[in-house]
N, C-alpha and C. Protein backbone atom coordinates (compact mmCIF):
# COMPACT_ATOMS: atom_id res chain seq x y z
N MET A 1 54.76 -10.10 7.58
CA MET A 1 55.79 -9.92 8.45
C MET A 1 57.15 -10.10 7.31
N LEU A 2 57.00 -10.81 6.51
CA LEU A 2 58.11 -10.86 5.28
C LEU A 2 58.52 -9.61 4.87
N THR A 3 56.96 -8.87 5.04
CA THR A 3 57.35 -7.58 3.83
C THR A 3 57.97 -6.42 5.10
N PHE A 4 58.23 -6.75 6.46
CA PHE A 4 58.75 -5.63 6.92
C PHE A 4 60.04 -6.01 7.36
N VAL A 5 60.32 -7.53 7.11
CA VAL A 5 61.96 -7.79 7.13
C VAL A 5 62.72 -7.63 6.05
N LEU A 6 61.96 -7.60 5.02
CA LEU A 6 62.80 -7.37 3.50
C LEU A 6 63.10 -5.70 3.62
N SER A 7 62.05 -4.92 4.13
CA SER A 7 62.08 -3.69 4.42
C SER A 7 63.27 -2.95 5.30
N VAL A 8 63.42 -3.47 6.19
CA VAL A 8 64.64 -3.24 7.01
C VAL A 8 65.44 -3.87 6.26
N ILE A 9 65.67 -5.11 5.89
CA ILE A 9 67.31 -5.27 5.01
C ILE A 9 67.34 -4.16 3.87
N ALA A 10 66.49 -3.68 3.14
CA ALA A 10 66.57 -2.69 2.30
C ALA A 10 67.03 -1.67 2.89
N GLY A 11 66.51 -1.29 4.02
CA GLY A 11 67.03 0.17 5.02
C GLY A 11 68.24 -0.42 5.20
N PHE A 12 68.78 -1.23 5.81
CA PHE A 12 70.01 -1.41 6.40
C PHE A 12 71.24 -1.16 4.89
N ALA A 13 70.75 -2.09 3.70
CA ALA A 13 71.75 -2.05 2.56
C ALA A 13 71.87 -1.01 1.72
N THR A 14 71.06 0.31 2.07
CA THR A 14 70.87 1.08 1.03
C THR A 14 72.50 2.10 0.97
N PRO A 15 73.28 1.98 2.19
CA PRO A 15 74.47 2.44 1.91
C PRO A 15 75.40 1.57 1.00
N PHE A 16 74.94 0.13 1.21
CA PHE A 16 76.03 -0.36 0.54
C PHE A 16 75.57 -0.24 -1.05
N VAL A 17 74.49 -0.29 -1.17
CA VAL A 17 73.73 -0.13 -2.83
C VAL A 17 74.27 0.79 -3.21
N GLU A 18 74.28 2.09 -2.56
CA GLU A 18 74.67 2.98 -3.22
C GLU A 18 75.30 3.59 -4.25
N PRO A 19 77.01 3.20 -3.96
CA PRO A 19 77.45 3.15 -5.01
C PRO A 19 77.60 2.77 -6.05
N PHE A 20 77.25 1.46 -6.00
CA PHE A 20 76.82 0.86 -7.36
C PHE A 20 75.76 1.14 -8.10
N LEU A 21 74.63 1.62 -7.78
CA LEU A 21 73.44 1.99 -7.70
C LEU A 21 73.77 3.70 -8.45
N THR A 22 74.55 4.13 -7.73
CA THR A 22 75.11 5.65 -8.22
C THR A 22 75.88 5.88 -9.41
N LYS A 23 76.60 4.73 -9.78
CA LYS A 23 77.79 4.35 -11.31
C LYS A 23 76.76 4.00 -12.28
N LEU A 24 75.76 3.07 -11.91
CA LEU A 24 74.65 3.23 -12.78
C LEU A 24 73.75 3.80 -13.44
N ILE A 25 73.31 4.74 -12.58
CA ILE A 25 72.49 5.40 -12.83
C ILE A 25 72.58 7.23 -13.23
N GLN A 26 73.96 7.26 -12.82
CA GLN A 26 74.62 8.81 -12.60
C GLN A 26 74.56 9.19 -14.12
N PRO A 27 75.35 8.64 -15.23
CA PRO A 27 75.32 8.73 -16.32
C PRO A 27 73.73 8.79 -17.33
N ARG A 28 72.97 7.99 -16.81
CA ARG A 28 71.59 8.34 -17.60
C ARG A 28 70.62 9.71 -17.33
N LEU A 29 71.41 10.28 -15.93
CA LEU A 29 70.62 11.41 -15.19
C LEU A 29 71.54 13.03 -15.83
N ASP A 30 72.38 12.89 -16.67
CA ASP A 30 73.00 14.22 -17.23
C ASP A 30 71.67 15.50 -17.06
N GLU A 31 70.73 15.23 -17.72
CA GLU A 31 69.83 16.36 -17.86
C GLU A 31 69.32 16.62 -16.22
N PHE A 32 68.95 15.84 -15.60
CA PHE A 32 68.51 16.30 -14.66
C PHE A 32 69.71 16.85 -13.51
N PRO A 33 69.42 18.06 -12.58
CA PRO A 33 70.42 18.10 -11.78
C PRO A 33 70.28 17.62 -10.28
N VAL A 34 71.20 16.34 -9.85
CA VAL A 34 71.40 15.63 -8.90
C VAL A 34 72.26 15.78 -8.01
N HIS A 35 72.48 16.04 -6.82
CA HIS A 35 73.31 16.77 -6.10
C HIS A 35 73.88 15.27 -5.40
N GLU A 36 75.04 14.88 -5.09
CA GLU A 36 75.72 14.27 -4.73
C GLU A 36 74.80 13.15 -3.46
N GLY A 37 74.39 14.15 -2.67
CA GLY A 37 73.45 13.70 -1.17
C GLY A 37 72.36 13.02 -1.54
N GLU A 38 71.87 13.03 -2.83
CA GLU A 38 70.16 12.63 -3.42
C GLU A 38 70.43 11.32 -3.92
N TYR A 39 71.41 10.87 -4.04
CA TYR A 39 71.63 9.54 -4.41
C TYR A 39 71.10 8.26 -3.50
N ARG A 40 71.49 8.77 -2.14
CA ARG A 40 70.94 7.88 -1.39
C ARG A 40 69.81 7.60 -1.04
N THR A 41 69.16 9.14 -1.41
CA THR A 41 67.63 8.78 -1.22
C THR A 41 66.94 8.02 -2.66
N ILE A 42 67.38 8.27 -3.43
CA ILE A 42 67.10 7.66 -4.65
C ILE A 42 67.56 5.99 -4.41
N THR A 43 68.52 5.85 -4.13
CA THR A 43 68.80 4.53 -3.84
C THR A 43 67.73 3.83 -2.81
N PHE A 44 67.69 4.56 -1.68
CA PHE A 44 66.41 3.87 -0.89
C PHE A 44 65.08 3.93 -1.01
N VAL A 45 64.73 4.55 -1.81
CA VAL A 45 63.22 4.73 -2.69
C VAL A 45 63.26 3.44 -3.61
N LEU A 46 64.15 3.45 -4.22
CA LEU A 46 64.14 2.30 -5.28
C LEU A 46 64.31 0.82 -4.84
N LEU A 47 64.90 0.79 -3.56
CA LEU A 47 65.11 -0.71 -3.05
C LEU A 47 63.73 -0.93 -2.15
N LEU A 48 63.06 -0.08 -1.59
CA LEU A 48 61.59 -0.09 -0.99
C LEU A 48 60.68 -0.23 -2.05
N LEU A 49 61.28 0.33 -3.25
CA LEU A 49 59.97 -0.21 -4.21
C LEU A 49 60.47 -1.51 -5.05
N GLY A 50 61.42 -2.03 -5.22
CA GLY A 50 61.50 -3.30 -5.22
C GLY A 50 61.07 -4.22 -3.80
N VAL A 51 61.02 -4.12 -2.82
CA VAL A 51 60.42 -4.66 -1.97
C VAL A 51 58.82 -4.80 -2.19
N ALA A 52 58.05 -3.58 -2.17
CA ALA A 52 56.93 -3.15 -2.46
C ALA A 52 56.28 -4.19 -3.98
N ILE A 53 57.10 -4.35 -4.84
CA ILE A 53 56.75 -4.81 -6.07
C ILE A 53 56.90 -6.52 -5.90
N ALA A 54 58.07 -7.03 -4.94
CA ALA A 54 58.11 -8.22 -4.59
C ALA A 54 56.96 -8.89 -4.02
N ALA A 55 56.56 -8.05 -3.00
CA ALA A 55 55.47 -8.19 -2.18
C ALA A 55 54.07 -8.28 -3.18
N ILE A 56 53.89 -7.57 -3.51
CA ILE A 56 52.68 -7.26 -4.42
C ILE A 56 52.52 -8.52 -5.44
N SER A 57 53.94 -8.79 -6.24
CA SER A 57 53.86 -9.69 -7.27
C SER A 57 53.39 -11.42 -6.53
N SER A 58 53.55 -11.18 -5.09
CA SER A 58 53.54 -13.01 -4.18
C SER A 58 52.12 -12.56 -4.06
N GLY A 59 51.60 -11.51 -4.21
CA GLY A 59 50.05 -11.92 -3.72
C GLY A 59 49.51 -11.65 -2.16
N VAL A 60 50.48 -10.72 -1.86
CA VAL A 60 50.42 -10.41 -0.28
C VAL A 60 50.15 -8.91 -0.22
N MET A 61 49.03 -8.64 0.51
CA MET A 61 48.57 -7.11 0.77
C MET A 61 49.44 -6.35 1.27
N VAL A 62 50.30 -5.46 1.07
CA VAL A 62 51.18 -4.97 1.68
C VAL A 62 50.73 -3.33 2.12
N SER A 63 51.19 -2.72 3.13
CA SER A 63 50.79 -1.66 3.68
C SER A 63 51.67 -0.73 3.64
N ALA A 64 52.02 0.77 2.63
CA ALA A 64 52.89 1.11 2.62
C ALA A 64 53.65 1.80 3.97
N PHE A 65 52.79 1.96 5.02
CA PHE A 65 53.30 2.17 6.20
C PHE A 65 54.26 1.09 6.95
N THR A 66 54.00 -0.21 6.47
CA THR A 66 54.77 -1.26 7.02
C THR A 66 56.20 -1.05 6.07
N VAL A 67 56.23 -0.90 5.09
CA VAL A 67 57.47 -0.98 4.00
C VAL A 67 58.36 0.23 4.84
N LEU A 68 57.69 1.32 4.70
CA LEU A 68 58.02 2.61 5.31
C LEU A 68 59.01 2.64 6.78
N PHE A 69 58.09 1.71 7.40
CA PHE A 69 58.62 1.86 8.70
C PHE A 69 59.95 1.12 8.84
N GLY A 70 59.44 -0.35 7.88
CA GLY A 70 60.87 -1.24 7.96
C GLY A 70 62.05 -0.51 7.32
N GLY A 71 61.63 0.09 6.22
CA GLY A 71 63.28 0.57 5.64
C GLY A 71 63.54 1.90 6.49
N LEU A 72 62.97 2.85 7.38
CA LEU A 72 63.57 3.59 8.38
C LEU A 72 63.87 2.77 9.31
N LEU A 73 63.56 2.07 9.92
CA LEU A 73 64.26 1.49 10.78
C LEU A 73 65.43 0.72 10.47
N GLY A 74 65.47 0.35 9.19
CA GLY A 74 66.91 -0.28 8.72
C GLY A 74 67.92 0.66 8.39
N LEU A 75 67.14 1.54 7.72
CA LEU A 75 68.14 2.65 7.60
C LEU A 75 68.78 3.18 8.86
N PHE A 76 68.41 3.92 9.49
CA PHE A 76 68.52 4.18 11.20
C PHE A 76 68.52 3.70 12.14
N GLY A 77 68.31 2.22 12.14
CA GLY A 77 68.24 1.53 13.26
C GLY A 77 69.80 1.37 13.72
N VAL A 78 70.89 1.43 13.38
CA VAL A 78 72.15 1.48 14.13
C VAL A 78 72.41 2.61 14.54
N ARG A 79 72.14 3.87 14.07
CA ARG A 79 72.19 5.17 14.88
C ARG A 79 71.04 5.24 16.12
N LEU A 80 70.00 4.68 16.30
CA LEU A 80 69.00 4.74 17.12
C LEU A 80 69.54 3.83 18.37
N PHE A 81 70.24 2.77 17.72
CA PHE A 81 70.70 1.96 18.63
C PHE A 81 71.74 2.24 19.65
N LYS A 82 72.79 3.34 18.81
CA LYS A 82 74.04 3.72 19.57
C LYS A 82 73.46 4.89 20.61
N ALA A 83 72.55 5.51 20.24
CA ALA A 83 71.82 6.86 20.87
C ALA A 83 71.17 6.49 21.89
N ILE A 84 70.46 5.08 22.11
CA ILE A 84 69.77 4.64 23.12
C ILE A 84 70.90 4.19 24.40
N LYS A 85 71.83 3.44 23.26
CA LYS A 85 72.75 2.52 24.33
C LYS A 85 73.38 3.99 25.06
N SER A 86 73.75 4.93 24.64
CA SER A 86 74.53 6.21 24.88
C SER A 86 73.93 6.61 26.49
N LEU A 87 72.96 6.93 26.07
CA LEU A 87 71.73 7.60 27.10
C LEU A 87 71.47 6.79 28.20
N ILE A 88 71.24 5.45 28.11
CA ILE A 88 70.93 4.28 29.12
C ILE A 88 72.61 4.53 30.14
N ASP A 89 73.75 4.37 29.07
CA ASP A 89 75.23 4.39 29.87
C ASP A 89 75.48 5.40 30.56
N GLY A 90 74.83 6.77 30.05
CA GLY A 90 75.04 7.83 30.49
C GLY A 90 73.93 7.79 31.85
N ALA A 91 73.08 7.74 31.74
CA ALA A 91 72.21 7.45 33.20
C ALA A 91 72.73 6.36 33.95
N GLU A 92 73.35 5.57 33.89
CA GLU A 92 73.74 4.57 34.97
C GLU A 92 75.08 5.09 35.15
N ARG A 93 75.75 6.03 34.61
CA ARG A 93 77.18 6.91 35.16
C ARG A 93 76.48 7.68 36.16
N ASP A 94 75.75 8.55 35.79
CA ASP A 94 75.08 9.39 36.80
C ASP A 94 74.62 8.71 37.95
N ALA A 95 73.98 7.40 38.11
CA ALA A 95 73.56 7.28 39.24
C ALA A 95 74.65 6.38 40.14
N GLN A 96 75.71 6.13 39.31
CA GLN A 96 76.76 5.72 40.40
C GLN A 96 77.82 6.75 40.86
N ASP A 97 77.69 7.80 40.20
CA ASP A 97 78.29 9.21 41.01
C ASP A 97 77.49 9.71 41.95
N ARG A 98 76.34 9.43 42.57
CA ARG A 98 75.33 9.94 43.65
C ARG A 98 75.79 9.12 44.43
């Protein structure tokens, strides 16, 4: 469960950590063509890798699905929540219009 929570935090923190990590790794990747949009993916993967390494080093058996699902939920959770809320609000407005 702790691994899942850490994965959600890592996914949520990805947009905030990306600028710092981009400044850190961009000069070291001169030989490799990396587009601007790929730095968020690199940040996401590195954060989830850090969660997996921390969990394994603590002796906890880690499921890759748990880490990935938690990370995706953290990364897209706010957008999913807003989309579901707007669908519910739209259904309520339709019910009121009848």
